[in-house]
Amino acid sequence: MSKNDLEKIIKKLEALEVRISQLEQGRENNAPDNKSDSQKKLSLREFLLSKKPAGDVKKTLAIGYYLEKHEKLSSFNINDLEAAFERAKEKKPTNMNDKVNMNIRNGHLEETSEKKDSRKSWYLTNSGEQYVENDFKTQK
């Protein structure tokens, strides 16, 4: 099997993972709604308003957190972040990679070993999760 064949298989598997995730979310969203208003899904916009991230670096981290915790993505790439900024009606940073790299330097994000849609992808570190959960205050 050639390297090209392996890359095609990996791309197909990644696409299937995305589709399965979307189908699972759709099933959850279409389930009978016995939830009270307080248990409804928190939108990305509402999440950002509640966390009040100051600046593009913290917004990028907060959006990554939302993608992992609320949309159940195991990792996210530039496309995911840009789409999320648009969905939240937030201005996209001029250099998204720079914001991601600053979060990596801060120890809040880490690059995954696999690529997602042939692009670098990242996940939140434990300290990144805690940083967002503590409203961007460093724990002592």
Protein backbone atom coordinates (compact mmCIF):
# COMPACT_ATOMS: atom_id res chain seq x y z
CA MET A 1 0.00 0.00 0.00
CA SER A 2 1.44 3.34 -1.02
CA LYS A 3 1.76 6.44 1.12
CA ASN A 4 -0.86 8.14 -1.08
CA ASP A 5 -3.35 5.29 -0.43
CA LEU A 6 -2.76 5.61 3.32
CA GLU A 7 -3.35 9.36 3.19
CA LYS A 8 -6.62 8.81 1.32
CA ILE A 9 -7.76 6.28 3.93
CA ILE A 10 -6.85 8.63 6.78
CA LYS A 11 -8.78 11.50 5.13
CA LYS A 12 -11.83 9.27 4.70
CA LEU A 13 -11.64 8.14 8.33
CA GLU A 14 -11.39 11.72 9.54
CA ALA A 15 -14.39 12.69 7.42
CA LEU A 16 -16.34 9.74 8.82
CA GLU A 17 -15.44 10.78 12.37
CA VAL A 18 -16.83 14.25 11.70
CA ARG A 19 -20.02 12.81 10.17
CA ILE A 20 -20.54 10.40 13.07
CA SER A 21 -20.03 13.21 15.56
CA GLN A 22 -22.56 15.37 13.70
CA LEU A 23 -25.05 12.50 13.56
CA GLU A 24 -24.64 11.85 17.27
CA GLN A 25 -25.17 15.52 18.03
CA GLY A 26 -28.22 15.54 15.78
CA ARG A 27 -29.65 12.56 17.62
CA GLU A 28 -29.12 14.32 20.95
CA ASN A 29 -30.64 17.53 19.60
CA ASN A 30 -33.66 15.68 18.15
CA ALA A 31 -34.36 13.66 21.29
CA PRO A 32 -37.60 14.48 23.10
CA ASP A 33 -37.01 17.63 25.07
CA ASN A 34 -37.73 16.95 28.71
CA LYS A 35 -35.09 19.42 29.81
CA SER A 36 -35.80 22.57 31.71
CA ASP A 37 -34.61 25.90 30.29
CA SER A 38 -31.52 25.77 32.52
CA GLN A 39 -30.38 22.54 30.80
CA LYS A 40 -30.61 23.80 27.23
CA LYS A 41 -27.40 23.87 25.23
CA LEU A 42 -25.32 26.97 25.84
CA SER A 43 -24.51 28.74 22.57
CA LEU A 44 -20.96 29.73 21.78
CA ARG A 45 -21.93 33.40 21.90
CA GLU A 46 -23.51 32.97 25.36
CA PHE A 47 -20.43 31.09 26.54
CA LEU A 48 -18.10 33.88 25.43
CA LEU A 49 -20.33 36.50 27.05
CA SER A 50 -20.25 34.57 30.33
CA LYS A 51 -16.45 34.10 30.32
CA LYS A 52 -15.57 37.61 29.06
CA PRO A 53 -12.22 36.71 27.48
CA ALA A 54 -10.10 39.83 27.01
CA GLY A 55 -8.19 39.81 23.74
CA ASP A 56 -7.81 37.42 20.86
CA VAL A 57 -5.49 34.97 22.65
CA LYS A 58 -8.02 34.34 25.42
CA LYS A 59 -10.95 34.29 22.97
CA THR A 60 -9.13 31.66 20.90
CA LEU A 61 -8.57 29.57 24.03
CA ALA A 62 -12.19 30.00 25.17
CA ILE A 63 -13.47 28.94 21.75
CA GLY A 64 -11.18 25.89 21.81
CA TYR A 65 -12.58 25.04 25.24
CA TYR A 66 -16.14 25.36 23.94
CA LEU A 67 -15.37 23.16 20.94
CA GLU A 68 -13.99 20.43 23.21
CA LYS A 69 -16.44 20.62 26.09
CA HIS A 70 -19.71 21.62 24.43
CA GLU A 71 -19.31 20.34 20.88
CA LYS A 72 -17.35 17.27 22.00
CA LEU A 73 -14.47 17.65 19.52
CA SER A 74 -11.39 15.73 20.58
CA SER A 75 -9.22 18.29 18.79
CA PHE A 76 -9.70 21.36 16.62
CA ASN A 77 -7.86 23.04 13.76
CA ILE A 78 -7.73 26.50 12.19
CA ASN A 79 -10.89 25.83 10.16
CA ASP A 80 -12.81 24.89 13.32
CA LEU A 81 -11.62 28.03 15.11
CA GLU A 82 -12.41 30.35 12.21
CA ALA A 83 -15.89 28.86 11.78
CA ALA A 84 -16.51 29.22 15.51
CA PHE A 85 -15.43 32.88 15.50
CA GLU A 86 -17.93 33.48 12.69
CA ARG A 87 -20.72 31.58 14.48
CA ALA A 88 -20.11 33.64 17.61
CA LYS A 89 -20.21 36.82 15.52
CA GLU A 90 -16.74 37.70 16.73
CA LYS A 91 -14.09 39.36 14.60
CA LYS A 92 -11.50 36.78 13.57
CA PRO A 93 -7.93 37.54 14.63
CA THR A 94 -5.75 38.65 11.74
CA ASN A 95 -3.23 35.88 12.49
CA MET A 96 -5.02 32.95 14.11
CA ASN A 97 -1.89 30.76 14.10
CA ASP A 98 -0.12 33.39 16.20
CA LYS A 99 -2.92 33.30 18.80
CA VAL A 100 -2.76 29.50 18.90
CA ASN A 101 1.04 29.60 19.27
CA MET A 102 0.77 32.07 22.15
CA ASN A 103 -1.61 29.66 23.90
CA ILE A 104 0.87 26.84 23.28
CA ARG A 105 3.67 28.96 24.82
CA ASN A 106 1.40 29.63 27.81
CA GLY A 107 0.90 25.89 28.20
CA HIS A 108 -2.84 26.06 27.50
CA LEU A 109 -2.92 24.24 24.13
CA GLU A 110 -0.89 21.39 22.71
CA GLU A 111 -0.57 20.10 19.16
CA THR A 112 -1.99 16.64 18.47
CA SER A 113 0.14 13.97 16.82
CA GLU A 114 -2.44 13.44 14.05
CA LYS A 115 -3.62 16.00 11.54
CA LYS A 116 -7.30 16.88 11.20
CA ASP A 117 -8.44 17.43 7.61
CA SER A 118 -4.73 17.49 6.63
CA ARG A 119 -4.09 20.44 8.98
CA LYS A 120 -2.42 20.82 12.35
CA SER A 121 -4.82 20.34 15.22
CA TRP A 122 -4.69 21.10 18.92
CA TYR A 123 -6.31 20.22 22.21
CA LEU A 124 -6.57 21.95 25.55
CA THR A 125 -4.12 21.01 28.26
CA ASN A 126 -5.26 20.52 31.83
CA SER A 127 -3.96 23.95 32.76
CA GLY A 128 -5.76 25.45 29.74
CA GLU A 129 -9.06 23.93 30.88
CA GLN A 130 -8.56 25.21 34.43
CA TYR A 131 -7.58 28.65 33.18
CA VAL A 132 -10.85 29.01 31.24
CA GLU A 133 -12.93 27.47 34.04
CA ASN A 134 -11.41 29.97 36.50
CA ASP A 135 -12.31 32.89 34.21
CA PHE A 136 -8.72 33.38 33.03
CA LYS A 137 -7.22 33.63 36.49
CA THR A 138 -4.14 31.59 37.24
CA GLN A 139 -4.54 29.25 40.18
CA LYS A 140 -1.95 29.51 42.89
